[in-house]
C-alpha atoms as a PDB file:
ATOM      1  CA  PRO A   1      99.529 107.862  54.824  1.00  0.00           C
ATOM      2  CA  GLY A   2     102.040 107.832  57.661  1.00  0.00           C
ATOM      3  CA  ASN A   3     104.088 110.849  58.633  1.00  0.00           C
ATOM      4  CA  PRO A   4     107.468 110.540  56.848  1.00  0.00           C
ATOM      5  CA  ASP A   5     109.079 112.807  59.467  1.00  0.00           C
ATOM      6  CA  ILE A   6     108.330 110.408  62.340  1.00  0.00           C
ATOM      7  CA  LYS A   7     111.144 108.009  63.180  1.00  0.00           C
ATOM      8  CA  TRP A   8     112.277 105.600  65.876  1.00  0.00           C
ATOM      9  CA  GLU A   9     113.761 107.073  69.032  1.00  0.00           C
ATOM     10  CA  THR A  10     117.505 106.647  69.503  1.00  0.00           C
ATOM     11  CA  THR A  11     119.560 105.832  72.575  1.00  0.00           C
ATOM     12  CA  GLU A  12     123.116 106.251  73.782  1.00  0.00           C
ATOM     13  CA  GLN A  13     124.217 104.148  76.711  1.00  0.00           C
ATOM     14  CA  ILE A  14     127.335 103.830  78.844  1.00  0.00           C
ATOM     15  CA  ASN A  15     127.869 100.808  81.094  1.00  0.00           C
ATOM     16  CA  ILE A  16     130.834 100.335  83.399  1.00  0.00           C
ATOM     17  CA  GLY A  17     130.805  97.098  85.347  1.00  0.00           C
ATOM     18  CA  LEU A  18     132.862  94.832  87.543  1.00  0.00           C
ATOM     19  CA  ASP A  19     132.338  91.088  88.017  1.00  0.00           C
ATOM     20  CA  ILE A  20     134.058  89.214  90.839  1.00  0.00           C
ATOM     21  CA  GLY A  21     134.104  85.483  91.517  1.00  0.00           C
ATOM     22  CA  LEU A  22     135.458  84.195  94.832  1.00  0.00           C
ATOM     23  CA  PHE A  23     136.007  80.773  96.387  1.00  0.00           C
ATOM     24  CA  LYS A  24     135.905  78.997  93.026  1.00  0.00           C
ATOM     25  CA  ASP A  25     132.865  81.075  92.031  1.00  0.00           C
ATOM     26  CA  GLN A  26     130.966  79.959  95.089  1.00  0.00           C
ATOM     27  CA  LEU A  27     130.447  83.684  95.723  1.00  0.00           C
ATOM     28  CA  SER A  28     129.703  85.943  92.743  1.00  0.00           C
ATOM     29  CA  ILE A  29     129.473  89.730  92.919  1.00  0.00           C
ATOM     30  CA  ASN A  30     128.726  92.214  90.159  1.00  0.00           C
ATOM     31  CA  VAL A  31     128.452  95.996  90.214  1.00  0.00           C
ATOM     32  CA  GLU A  32     127.553  98.223  87.288  1.00  0.00           C
ATOM     33  CA  TYR A  33     127.072 101.929  86.599  1.00  0.00           C
ATOM     34  CA  PHE A  34     124.866 102.939  83.689  1.00  0.00           C
ATOM     35  CA  LYS A  35     123.853 106.123  81.947  1.00  0.00           C
ATOM     36  CA  LYS A  36     121.255 105.987  79.214  1.00  0.00           C
ATOM     37  CA  ASN A  37     120.167 108.967  77.145  1.00  0.00           C
ATOM     38  CA  THR A  38     117.109 108.572  74.942  1.00  0.00           C
ATOM     39  CA  PHE A  39     116.609 111.050  72.108  1.00  0.00           C
ATOM     40  CA  ASP A  40     113.882 111.701  69.539  1.00  0.00           C
ATOM     41  CA  ILE A  41     111.080 110.700  71.888  1.00  0.00           C
ATOM     42  CA  LEU A  42     107.659 111.372  70.393  1.00  0.00           C
ATOM     43  CA  TRP A  43     106.239 114.551  71.932  1.00  0.00           C
ATOM     44  CA  ALA A  44     103.304 116.856  71.310  1.00  0.00           C
ATOM     45  CA  VAL A  45     104.913 120.092  70.100  1.00  0.00           C
ATOM     46  CA  PRO A  46     103.023 123.221  71.258  1.00  0.00           C
ATOM     47  CA  VAL A  47     101.618 125.369  68.449  1.00  0.00           C
ATOM     48  CA  SER A  48      99.686 128.600  68.436  1.00  0.00           C
ATOM     49  CA  LEU A  49      95.871 128.384  68.421  1.00  0.00           C
ATOM     50  CA  SER A  50      95.900 130.888  65.574  1.00  0.00           C
ATOM     51  CA  ARG A  51      97.307 128.214  63.281  1.00  0.00           C
ATOM     52  CA  GLY A  52      93.978 126.363  63.461  1.00  0.00           C
ATOM     53  CA  TYR A  53      95.657 122.976  63.594  1.00  0.00           C
ATOM     54  CA  GLY A  54      93.785 120.250  65.450  1.00  0.00           C
ATOM     55  CA  LEU A  55      94.651 116.761  66.556  1.00  0.00           C
ATOM     56  CA  ASP A  56      91.687 114.395  66.722  1.00  0.00           C
ATOM     57  CA  GLY A  57      89.451 117.258  65.705  1.00  0.00           C
ATOM     58  CA  GLN A  58      90.510 119.527  68.582  1.00  0.00           C
ATOM     59  CA  ALA A  59      91.482 123.013  67.491  1.00  0.00           C
ATOM     60  CA  GLY A  60      94.874 124.054  68.779  1.00  0.00           C
ATOM     61  CA  ALA A  61      96.014 120.535  69.688  1.00  0.00           C
ATOM     62  CA  SER A  62      99.676 119.811  69.041  1.00  0.00           C
ATOM     63  CA  PRO A  63     101.320 117.740  66.303  1.00  0.00           C
ATOM     64  CA  VAL A  64     103.572 114.910  67.384  1.00  0.00           C
ATOM     65  CA  ALA A  65     107.279 114.961  66.542  1.00  0.00           C
ATOM     66  CA  ASN A  66     110.573 113.355  67.610  1.00  0.00           C
ATOM     67  CA  VAL A  67     111.792 116.135  69.871  1.00  0.00           C
ATOM     68  CA  ALA A  68     112.010 115.121  73.552  1.00  0.00           C
ATOM     69  CA  SER A  69     114.978 113.644  75.436  1.00  0.00           C
ATOM     70  CA  LEU A  70     115.248 111.649  78.635  1.00  0.00           C
ATOM     71  CA  GLU A  71     118.135 110.586  80.870  1.00  0.00           C
ATOM     72  CA  ASN A  72     118.355 107.557  83.155  1.00  0.00           C
ATOM     73  CA  THR A  73     121.359 107.016  85.388  1.00  0.00           C
ATOM     74  CA  GLY A  74     121.957 104.567  88.157  1.00  0.00           C
ATOM     75  CA  TYR A  75     123.708 101.587  89.632  1.00  0.00           C
ATOM     76  CA  GLU A  76     123.001  97.884  89.616  1.00  0.00           C
ATOM     77  CA  GLY A  77     124.494  95.348  91.956  1.00  0.00           C
ATOM     78  CA  GLY A  78     124.066  91.649  92.537  1.00  0.00           C
ATOM     79  CA  ILE A  79     125.433  88.935  94.782  1.00  0.00           C
ATOM     80  CA  VAL A  80     124.969  85.154  94.648  1.00  0.00           C
ATOM     81  CA  PHE A  81     126.226  82.524  97.088  1.00  0.00           C
ATOM     82  CA  ARG A  82     126.102  78.795  96.279  1.00  0.00           C
ATOM     83  CA  GLU A  83     126.981  75.785  98.371  1.00  0.00           C
ATOM     84  CA  GLU A  84     126.707  72.006  98.052  1.00  0.00           C
ATOM     85  CA  ARG A  85     126.892  69.679 101.071  1.00  0.00           C
ATOM     86  CA  GLY A  86     126.322  66.068 100.131  1.00  0.00           C
ATOM     87  CA  ASP A  87     122.708  65.604  99.059  1.00  0.00           C
ATOM     88  CA  PHE A  88     121.866  69.156 100.076  1.00  0.00           C
ATOM     89  CA  GLY A  89     122.549  72.280  98.050  1.00  0.00           C
ATOM     90  CA  TYR A  90     121.332  75.842  98.071  1.00  0.00           C
ATOM     91  CA  SER A  91     121.866  79.266  96.540  1.00  0.00           C
ATOM     92  CA  ILE A  92     120.886  82.737  97.666  1.00  0.00           C
ATOM     93  CA  GLY A  93     120.961  85.653  95.240  1.00  0.00           C
ATOM     94  CA  ALA A  94     119.990  89.294  95.511  1.00  0.00           C
ATOM     95  CA  ASN A  95     120.195  92.261  93.179  1.00  0.00           C
ATOM     96  CA  VAL A  96     119.397  95.937  93.581  1.00  0.00           C
ATOM     97  CA  SER A  97     118.975  98.694  90.988  1.00  0.00           C
ATOM     98  CA  LEU A  98     119.155 102.384  91.878  1.00  0.00           C
ATOM     99  CA  LEU A  99     117.670 104.785  89.349  1.00  0.00           C
ATOM    100  CA  ALA A 100     117.558 108.531  88.716  1.00  0.00           C
ATOM    101  CA  ASN A 101     115.290 109.694  85.910  1.00  0.00           C
ATOM    102  CA  LYS A 102     114.905 113.160  84.418  1.00  0.00           C
ATOM    103  CA  ILE A 103     113.647 114.901  81.297  1.00  0.00           C
ATOM    104  CA  THR A 104     116.452 116.773  79.529  1.00  0.00           C
ATOM    105  CA  SER A 105     114.726 118.454  76.594  1.00  0.00           C
ATOM    106  CA  PHE A 106     111.443 119.136  74.845  1.00  0.00           C
ATOM    107  CA  GLY A 107     113.172 120.117  71.606  1.00  0.00           C
ATOM    108  CA  SER A 108     112.501 123.805  72.245  1.00  0.00           C
ATOM    109  CA  ASP A 109     112.823 126.415  74.978  1.00  0.00           C
ATOM    110  CA  GLN A 110     109.734 124.927  76.654  1.00  0.00           C
ATOM    111  CA  GLU A 111     110.517 124.232  80.344  1.00  0.00           C
ATOM    112  CA  TYR A 112     107.530 122.057  81.173  1.00  0.00           C
ATOM    113  CA  LEU A 113     104.335 120.503  79.894  1.00  0.00           C
ATOM    114  CA  GLU A 114     101.344 120.463  82.213  1.00  0.00           C
ATOM    115  CA  ALA A 115      98.267 118.291  81.779  1.00  0.00           C
ATOM    116  CA  GLY A 116      95.824 117.917  84.655  1.00  0.00           C
ATOM    117  CA  PHE A 117      97.861 117.158  87.764  1.00  0.00           C
ATOM    118  CA  PHE A 118     100.949 116.084  85.801  1.00  0.00           C
ATOM    119  CA  ARG A 119     103.836 118.439  85.179  1.00  0.00           C
ATOM    120  CA  ASN A 120     106.675 117.071  83.072  1.00  0.00           C
ATOM    121  CA  ALA A 121     109.554 119.504  83.444  1.00  0.00           C
ATOM    122  CA  ILE A 122     113.204 119.802  82.529  1.00  0.00           C
ATOM    123  CA  ASP A 123     115.449 118.113  85.136  1.00  0.00           C
ATOM    124  CA  LYS A 124     112.436 116.494  86.826  1.00  0.00           C
ATOM    125  CA  PRO A 125     111.327 112.834  86.695  1.00  0.00           C
ATOM    126  CA  MET A 126     108.742 112.070  84.046  1.00  0.00           C
ATOM    127  CA  SER A 127     105.113 111.882  85.160  1.00  0.00           C
ATOM    128  CA  SER A 128     105.709 114.144  88.173  1.00  0.00           C
ATOM    129  CA  PHE A 129     102.581 115.026  90.157  1.00  0.00           C
ATOM    130  CA  TYR A 130     101.858 118.718  90.617  1.00  0.00           C
ATOM    131  CA  GLY A 131      99.318 119.873  93.180  1.00  0.00           C
ATOM    132  CA  TRP A 132      98.565 121.359  96.576  1.00  0.00           C
ATOM    133  CA  VAL A 133      99.972 120.432  99.980  1.00  0.00           C
ATOM    134  CA  VAL A 134      97.468 119.615 102.736  1.00  0.00           C
ATOM    135  CA  ASP A 135      98.013 121.308 106.088  1.00  0.00           C
ATOM    136  CA  LYS A 136      95.036 120.054 108.119  1.00  0.00           C
ATOM    137  CA  VAL A 137      91.242 119.947 108.296  1.00  0.00           C
ATOM    138  CA  TYR A 138      89.727 123.069 109.849  1.00  0.00           C
ATOM    139  CA  ALA A 139      88.319 122.026 113.238  1.00  0.00           C
ATOM    140  CA  THR A 140      86.280 125.193 113.850  1.00  0.00           C
ATOM    141  CA  GLN A 141      84.906 128.173 111.978  1.00  0.00           C
ATOM    142  CA  ALA A 142      87.116 130.422 114.120  1.00  0.00           C
ATOM    143  CA  GLU A 143      90.183 128.934 112.397  1.00  0.00           C
ATOM    144  CA  VAL A 144      88.700 129.709 108.990  1.00  0.00           C
ATOM    145  CA  ASN A 145      87.838 133.272 110.044  1.00  0.00           C
ATOM    146  CA  ALA A 146      91.364 133.844 111.355  1.00  0.00           C
ATOM    147  CA  ASP A 147      92.890 132.792 108.023  1.00  0.00           C
ATOM    148  CA  ASN A 148      90.467 134.980 106.074  1.00  0.00           C
ATOM    149  CA  LEU A 149      91.263 137.974 108.302  1.00  0.00           C
ATOM    150  CA  ALA A 150      94.987 137.509 107.732  1.00  0.00           C
ATOM    151  CA  ALA A 151      94.350 137.252 103.968  1.00  0.00           C
ATOM    152  CA  GLN A 152      92.365 140.497 104.032  1.00  0.00           C
ATOM    153  CA  GLU A 153      95.284 142.218 105.755  1.00  0.00           C
ATOM    154  CA  SER A 154      97.399 141.102 102.768  1.00  0.00           C
ATOM    155  CA  GLY A 155      94.881 142.584 100.322  1.00  0.00           C
ATOM    156  CA  PHE A 156      92.824 139.483  99.472  1.00  0.00           C
ATOM    157  CA  ASP A 157      89.148 138.735 100.125  1.00  0.00           C
ATOM    158  CA  PHE A 158      89.755 135.299 101.657  1.00  0.00           C
ATOM    159  CA  TYR A 159      92.467 132.707 102.314  1.00  0.00           C
ATOM    160  CA  GLN A 160      91.167 129.901 100.059  1.00  0.00           C
ATOM    161  CA  ARG A 161      87.563 130.351  98.941  1.00  0.00           C
ATOM    162  CA  ASN A 162      84.665 132.362 100.241  1.00  0.00           C
ATOM    163  CA  VAL A 163      82.728 129.124 100.852  1.00  0.00           C
ATOM    164  CA  THR A 164      85.468 127.431 102.905  1.00  0.00           C
ATOM    165  CA  SER A 165      84.059 126.359 106.270  1.00  0.00           C
ATOM    166  CA  ALA A 166      84.913 124.283 109.292  1.00  0.00           C
ATOM    167  CA  GLY A 167      85.501 120.703 108.169  1.00  0.00           C
ATOM    168  CA  ASP A 168      87.175 121.719 104.907  1.00  0.00           C
ATOM    169  CA  ILE A 169      90.828 121.115 104.137  1.00  0.00           C
ATOM    170  CA  ARG A 170      93.318 123.881 104.819  1.00  0.00           C
ATOM    171  CA  PHE A 171      95.965 123.901 102.097  1.00  0.00           C
ATOM    172  CA  LYS A 172      99.385 125.440 102.587  1.00  0.00           C
ATOM    173  CA  ASP A 173     100.238 128.888 101.262  1.00  0.00           C
ATOM    174  CA  LEU A 174     103.608 127.871  99.854  1.00  0.00           C
ATOM    175  CA  ASN A 175     104.573 131.177  98.263  1.00  0.00           C
ATOM    176  CA  GLY A 176     103.638 133.131 101.401  1.00  0.00           C
ATOM    177  CA  ASP A 177     101.508 135.766  99.673  1.00  0.00           C
ATOM    178  CA  GLY A 178      98.605 135.346 102.120  1.00  0.00           C
ATOM    179  CA  ARG A 179      96.213 133.208 100.103  1.00  0.00           C
ATOM    180  CA  VAL A 180      95.977 129.789  98.439  1.00  0.00           C
ATOM    181  CA  ASP A 181      95.677 129.638  94.647  1.00  0.00           C
ATOM    182  CA  ASN A 182      97.302 127.911  91.674  1.00  0.00           C
ATOM    183  CA  LEU A 183     100.636 129.538  92.514  1.00  0.00           C
ATOM    184  CA  ASP A 184     100.813 127.402  95.644  1.00  0.00           C
ATOM    185  CA  ARG A 185     101.021 124.130  93.785  1.00  0.00           C
ATOM    186  CA  THR A 186     104.279 122.200  93.852  1.00  0.00           C
ATOM    187  CA  TYR A 187     105.766 118.834  92.969  1.00  0.00           C
ATOM    188  CA  ILE A 188     104.168 116.298  95.291  1.00  0.00           C
ATOM    189  CA  GLY A 189     105.571 113.002  93.987  1.00  0.00           C
ATOM    190  CA  ASN A 190     106.316 110.833  90.975  1.00  0.00           C
ATOM    191  CA  PRO A 191     105.853 107.150  90.083  1.00  0.00           C
ATOM    192  CA  ILE A 192     109.515 106.429  89.267  1.00  0.00           C
ATOM    193  CA  PRO A 193     111.024 104.282  92.048  1.00  0.00           C
ATOM    194  CA  ASN A 194     114.403 105.177  93.521  1.00  0.00           C
ATOM    195  CA  GLY A 195     115.224 101.506  93.553  1.00  0.00           C
ATOM    196  CA  ILE A 196     113.979  98.011  92.805  1.00  0.00           C
ATOM    197  CA  TYR A 197     115.243  94.732  94.215  1.00  0.00           C
ATOM    198  CA  ASN A 198     114.934  90.967  93.893  1.00  0.00           C
ATOM    199  CA  LEU A 199     115.794  88.053  96.179  1.00  0.00           C
ATOM    200  CA  ASN A 200     116.042  84.472  94.937  1.00  0.00           C
ATOM    201  CA  VAL A 201     116.368  81.462  97.254  1.00  0.00           C
ATOM    202  CA  ASN A 202     116.802  77.955  95.888  1.00  0.00           C
ATOM    203  CA  ALA A 203     117.421  74.678  97.747  1.00  0.00           C
ATOM    204  CA  ASN A 204     117.538  71.029  96.804  1.00  0.00           C
ATOM    205  CA  PHE A 205     117.734  67.826  98.811  1.00  0.00           C
ATOM    206  CA  LYS A 206     118.027  64.566  96.938  1.00  0.00           C
ATOM    207  CA  LYS A 207     115.012  64.580  94.605  1.00  0.00           C
ATOM    208  CA  TRP A 208     113.280  67.538  96.231  1.00  0.00           C
ATOM    209  CA  SER A 209     113.763  71.160  95.206  1.00  0.00           C
ATOM    210  CA  LEU A 210     112.363  74.468  96.426  1.00  0.00           C
ATOM    211  CA  GLY A 211     112.598  77.890  94.823  1.00  0.00           C
ATOM    212  CA  MET A 212     111.357  81.267  96.040  1.00  0.00           C
ATOM    213  CA  ASN A 213     111.463  84.683  94.395  1.00  0.00           C
ATOM    214  CA  PHE A 214     110.818  88.017  96.123  1.00  0.00           C
ATOM    215  CA  ASN A 215     110.675  91.416  94.437  1.00  0.00           C
ATOM    216  CA  GLY A 216     110.008  94.955  95.591  1.00  0.00           C
ATOM    217  CA  ALA A 217     110.587  98.659  95.100  1.00  0.00           C
ATOM    218  CA  TRP A 218     110.915 101.841  97.114  1.00  0.00           C
ATOM    219  CA  GLY A 219     110.900 105.595  96.608  1.00  0.00           C
ATOM    220  CA  ALA A 220     107.937 105.940  94.224  1.00  0.00           C
ATOM    221  CA  GLN A 221     104.577 107.582  94.848  1.00  0.00           C
ATOM    222  CA  VAL A 222     101.183 107.101  93.220  1.00  0.00           C
ATOM    223  CA  ILE A 223      97.942 109.066  93.076  1.00  0.00           C
ATOM    224  CA  ASN A 224      95.386 106.787  94.717  1.00  0.00           C
ATOM    225  CA  ARG A 225      91.923 107.467  93.323  1.00  0.00           C
ATOM    226  CA  SER A 226      90.782 103.887  93.825  1.00  0.00           C
ATOM    227  CA  VAL A 227      89.421 104.495  97.323  1.00  0.00           C
ATOM    228  CA  PRO A 228      86.160 106.502  97.040  1.00  0.00           C
ATOM    229  CA  VAL A 229      86.325 109.264  99.651  1.00  0.00           C
ATOM    230  CA  SER A 230      85.036 112.376  97.845  1.00  0.00           C
ATOM    231  CA  MET A 231      81.716 112.585  99.756  1.00  0.00           C
ATOM    232  CA  SER A 232      80.504 115.147  97.241  1.00  0.00           C
ATOM    233  CA  GLY A 233      77.411 113.228  96.162  1.00  0.00           C
ATOM    234  CA  ILE A 234      75.307 110.139  96.717  1.00  0.00           C
ATOM    235  CA  SER A 235      77.490 107.076  96.199  1.00  0.00           C
ATOM    236  CA  ASN A 236      79.217 104.179  97.933  1.00  0.00           C
ATOM    237  CA  TYR A 237      82.299 105.270  99.847  1.00  0.00           C
ATOM    238  CA  SER A 238      85.221 103.732 101.672  1.00  0.00           C
ATOM    239  CA  THR A 239      84.979 103.158 105.427  1.00  0.00           C
ATOM    240  CA  THR A 240      87.616 105.915 105.636  1.00  0.00           C
ATOM    241  CA  VAL A 241      84.778 108.447 105.513  1.00  0.00           C
ATOM    242  CA  LEU A 242      83.592 107.250 108.926  1.00  0.00           C
ATOM    243  CA  ASP A 243      86.458 109.359 110.304  1.00  0.00           C
ATOM    244  CA  ARG A 244      85.260 112.519 108.541  1.00  0.00           C
ATOM    245  CA  TRP A 245      84.781 115.868 110.267  1.00  0.00           C
ATOM    246  CA  GLN A 246      81.205 116.104 111.603  1.00  0.00           C
ATOM    247  CA  ILE A 247      80.936 118.639 114.426  1.00  0.00           C
ATOM    248  CA  PRO A 248      82.976 121.694 115.467  1.00  0.00           C
ATOM    249  CA  GLY A 249      86.088 120.640 117.330  1.00  0.00           C
ATOM    250  CA  ASP A 250      86.576 117.313 115.537  1.00  0.00           C
ATOM    251  CA  ILE A 251      90.265 116.624 114.921  1.00  0.00           C
ATOM    252  CA  THR A 252      90.687 114.459 111.822  1.00  0.00           C
ATOM    253  CA  ASN A 253      92.405 114.334 108.443  1.00  0.00           C
ATOM    254  CA  VAL A 254      89.177 113.516 106.568  1.00  0.00           C
ATOM    255  CA  PRO A 255      87.102 116.545 105.493  1.00  0.00           C
ATOM    256  CA  ARG A 256      83.355 117.003 105.867  1.00  0.00           C
ATOM    257  CA  ALA A 257      80.754 115.462 103.577  1.00  0.00           C
ATOM    258  CA  ILE A 258      79.050 118.095 101.432  1.00  0.00           C
ATOM    259  CA  GLN A 259      77.186 117.976  98.142  1.00  0.00           C
ATOM    260  CA  GLY A 260      79.203 119.303  95.211  1.00  0.00           C
ATOM    261  CA  ASP A 261      82.466 119.882  97.109  1.00  0.00           C
ATOM    262  CA  PRO A 262      82.243 123.711  96.995  1.00  0.00           C
ATOM    263  CA  ALA A 263      85.584 124.200  98.780  1.00  0.00           C
ATOM    264  CA  ASP A 264      87.309 121.843  96.324  1.00  0.00           C
ATOM    265  CA  ASN A 265      88.595 119.474  98.991  1.00  0.00           C
ATOM    266  CA  ASN A 266      89.015 116.839  96.280  1.00  0.00           C
ATOM    267  CA  ARG A 267      91.522 118.783  94.216  1.00  0.00           C
ATOM    268  CA  ILE A 268      94.708 116.815  93.573  1.00  0.00           C
ATOM    269  CA  SER A 269      96.885 117.248  96.623  1.00  0.00           C
ATOM    270  CA  THR A 270      99.086 115.326  99.011  1.00  0.00           C
ATOM    271  CA  ARG A 271      95.813 113.910 100.371  1.00  0.00           C
ATOM    272  CA  PHE A 272      95.776 111.417  97.487  1.00  0.00           C
ATOM    273  CA  VAL A 273      99.525 110.787  97.189  1.00  0.00           C
ATOM    274  CA  GLU A 274     100.761 107.567  98.767  1.00  0.00           C
ATOM    275  CA  ASP A 275     104.104 105.819  98.952  1.00  0.00           C
ATOM    276  CA  ALA A 276     104.299 102.863  96.591  1.00  0.00           C
ATOM    277  CA  ASP A 277     106.921 100.865  98.521  1.00  0.00           C
ATOM    278  CA  PHE A 278     106.237  97.139  98.500  1.00  0.00           C
ATOM    279  CA  LEU A 279     107.692  93.666  98.993  1.00  0.00           C
ATOM    280  CA  ARG A 280     106.107  90.702  97.217  1.00  0.00           C
ATOM    281  CA  LEU A 281     106.650  86.952  97.376  1.00  0.00           C
ATOM    282  CA  GLN A 282     106.290  86.575  93.637  1.00  0.00           C
ATOM    283  CA  ASN A 283     106.768  82.869  93.172  1.00  0.00           C
ATOM    284  CA  VAL A 284     107.263  79.647  95.153  1.00  0.00           C
ATOM    285  CA  THR A 285     107.830  76.291  93.479  1.00  0.00           C
ATOM    286  CA  LEU A 286     108.202  72.946  95.229  1.00  0.00           C
ATOM    287  CA  SER A 287     109.004  69.923  93.067  1.00  0.00           C
ATOM    288  CA  TYR A 288     109.890  66.242  93.328  1.00  0.00           C
ATOM    289  CA  VAL A 289     111.587  64.085  90.703  1.00  0.00           C
ATOM    290  CA  PHE A 290     111.220  60.319  90.478  1.00  0.00           C
ATOM    291  CA  ASN A 291     112.104  57.660  87.928  1.00  0.00           C
ATOM    292  CA  PRO A 292     109.362  55.181  87.006  1.00  0.00           C
ATOM    293  CA  VAL A 293     111.550  53.053  84.741  1.00  0.00           C
ATOM    294  CA  LYS A 294     108.755  51.342  82.833  1.00  0.00           C
ATOM    295  CA  ILE A 295     106.817  54.539  82.160  1.00  0.00           C
ATOM    296  CA  ALA A 296     109.317  57.348  81.603  1.00  0.00           C
ATOM    297  CA  LYS A 297     112.959  58.188  82.147  1.00  0.00           C
ATOM    298  CA  GLU A 298     112.064  60.954  84.585  1.00  0.00           C
ATOM    299  CA  VAL A 299     108.893  62.493  85.970  1.00  0.00           C
ATOM    300  CA  ARG A 300     108.783  65.807  87.775  1.00  0.00           C
ATOM    301  CA  VAL A 301     105.764  66.761  89.871  1.00  0.00           C
ATOM    302  CA  PHE A 302     105.576  70.372  90.997  1.00  0.00           C
ATOM    303  CA  PHE A 303     103.422  72.818  92.912  1.00  0.00           C
ATOM    304  CA  THR A 304     103.698  76.535  92.187  1.00  0.00           C
ATOM    305  CA  GLY A 305     102.139  79.474  93.992  1.00  0.00           C
ATOM    306  CA  GLN A 306     102.289  83.011  92.605  1.00  0.00           C
ATOM    307  CA  ASN A 307     101.722  86.283  94.430  1.00  0.00           C
ATOM    308  CA  LEU A 308     101.397  84.457  97.750  1.00  0.00           C
ATOM    309  CA  TRP A 309     102.413  87.259 100.128  1.00  0.00           C
ATOM    310  CA  PHE A 310     102.481  91.016  99.893  1.00  0.00           C
ATOM    311  CA  LEU A 311     103.689  93.767 102.228  1.00  0.00           C
ATOM    312  CA  SER A 312     102.928  97.456 101.672  1.00  0.00           C
ATOM    313  CA  GLY A 313     101.464 100.464 103.420  1.00  0.00           C
ATOM    314  CA  TYR A 314      99.528 101.375 100.265  1.00  0.00           C
ATOM    315  CA  THR A 315      95.752 101.537 100.836  1.00  0.00           C
ATOM    316  CA  GLY A 316      94.815 100.604  97.267  1.00  0.00           C
ATOM    317  CA  PHE A 317      95.112  97.173  95.684  1.00  0.00           C
ATOM    318  CA  ASP A 318      98.594  97.079  94.213  1.00  0.00           C
ATOM    319  CA  PRO A 319     101.175  99.916  94.153  1.00  0.00           C
ATOM    320  CA  GLU A 320     103.365  98.092  91.616  1.00  0.00           C
ATOM    321  CA  LEU A 321     100.608  98.187  89.009  1.00  0.00           C
ATOM    322  CA  ALA A 322      99.592 101.694  90.073  1.00  0.00           C
ATOM    323  CA  MET A 323     103.081 102.967  89.210  1.00  0.00           C
ATOM    324  CA  GLY A 324     102.357 102.140  85.578  1.00  0.00           C
ATOM    325  CA  GLY A 325      98.692 103.140  85.659  1.00  0.00           C
ATOM    326  CA  GLY A 326      97.195 106.271  84.192  1.00  0.00           C
ATOM    327  CA  SER A 327      97.394 106.891  80.475  1.00  0.00           C
ATOM    328  CA  PRO A 328      98.031 103.590  78.620  1.00  0.00           C
ATOM    329  CA  GLY A 329     100.933 103.839  76.193  1.00  0.00           C
ATOM    330  CA  ASN A 330     102.068 107.244  77.461  1.00  0.00           C
ATOM    331  CA  ASN A 331     105.037 107.149  79.834  1.00  0.00           C
ATOM    332  CA  LEU A 332     104.635 110.837  80.616  1.00  0.00           C
ATOM    333  CA  PHE A 333     101.316 110.416  82.431  1.00  0.00           C
ATOM    334  CA  LEU A 334     101.733 107.441  84.737  1.00  0.00           C
ATOM    335  CA  GLY A 335     101.170 106.673  88.393  1.00  0.00           C
ATOM    336  CA  THR A 336      97.407 106.993  88.774  1.00  0.00           C
ATOM    337  CA  ASP A 337      95.356 104.258  90.408  1.00  0.00           C
ATOM    338  CA  ASN A 338      91.766 104.493  89.231  1.00  0.00           C
ATOM    339  CA  THR A 339      90.933 101.040  90.600  1.00  0.00           C
ATOM    340  CA  ILE A 340      93.462  98.906  88.753  1.00  0.00           C
ATOM    341  CA  ILE A 341      92.782  95.171  88.801  1.00  0.00           C
ATOM    342  CA  PRO A 342      95.501  93.630  91.021  1.00  0.00           C
ATOM    343  CA  TYR A 343      97.657  90.637  90.252  1.00  0.00           C
ATOM    344  CA  PRO A 344      95.741  87.422  90.998  1.00  0.00           C
ATOM    345  CA  ARG A 345      96.952  84.845  93.500  1.00  0.00           C
ATOM    346  CA  THR A 346      97.355  81.593  91.614  1.00  0.00           C
ATOM    347  CA  PHE A 347      98.155  77.973  92.470  1.00  0.00           C
ATOM    348  CA  LEU A 348      99.393  75.491  89.900  1.00  0.00           C
ATOM    349  CA  ILE A 349      99.966  71.736  90.073  1.00  0.00           C
ATOM    350  CA  GLY A 350     101.782  70.138  87.177  1.00  0.00           C
ATOM    351  CA  LEU A 351     103.685  67.166  85.891  1.00  0.00           C
ATOM    352  CA  ASN A 352     106.594  67.027  83.439  1.00  0.00           C
ATOM    353  CA  ALA A 353     107.643  63.716  81.929  1.00  0.00           C
ATOM    354  CA  ASN A 354     110.816  62.926  79.993  1.00  0.00           C
ATOM    355  CA  PHE A 355     110.386  59.830  77.834  1.00  0.00           C
END
């Protein structure tokens, strides 16, 4: 039977907007502020291992309850301009949404929930990445020895690991205690964009019409695991590994190739975090209307292309999809690209008839 204590989440939302029409509505402008609080989000409530409770057969796993809360605030704005000149007409419209997202409660005094390289914390965006910050790749063994000597002066045996060698990644000692460990992890990104935008352009001349739609986003990051660069075993790798460290003195941002990755160069760090900014030409449609009197009242022939052009500095396939990748159905563990199938580029030719 279902759990009678589980219920739908609830929301409270405030919207304050302003709509302006100028020049007989030839120019339309709208601005809106919103604040949305979501309560009773399903969340795994921590319980003591001594209780012996297990979810999916795992001892100590947590029961799910309506306890978490989330806040989204932001602004939305849009502008549209329309004009008709004889047989020619056009419209240009754009809208932008700015968003701030944060977790406000776990239903207890719990400040964060950590799973793998995700840390969901109070007053932080959901699905935040938590890991190490890359400084550089050690060019020589002398650099490694110097760090280890400094660590020993602070009372530690070594700076990172006793097997760290030239060609391994040097991670930053963020807390300044003289060595690198779990305490030097920090928030290194999240998949929630600061803003999203759309641009629509439409034009018509006599019986011809053209429409284009662009969309994009900025301010989000994703963990890109789609490009194989680990070099810790026998496998196919990206051409990126051709730039790896190979001999003392090499200056590069790609670590050495070594079986098993003893220095843990492949730990989640800023090495795998990439900006997910993008601009996409989502749709283009060109159509022509004619009137074959004896056949139909009106026939429209059209050509449509989807996903025709894409601009991004992301080295994976598609940062837009990667923002939502990770754990399907769980919005608290998103933003991981483990080789997500990208949007296809499609071309359509069609005919609509009105009899």
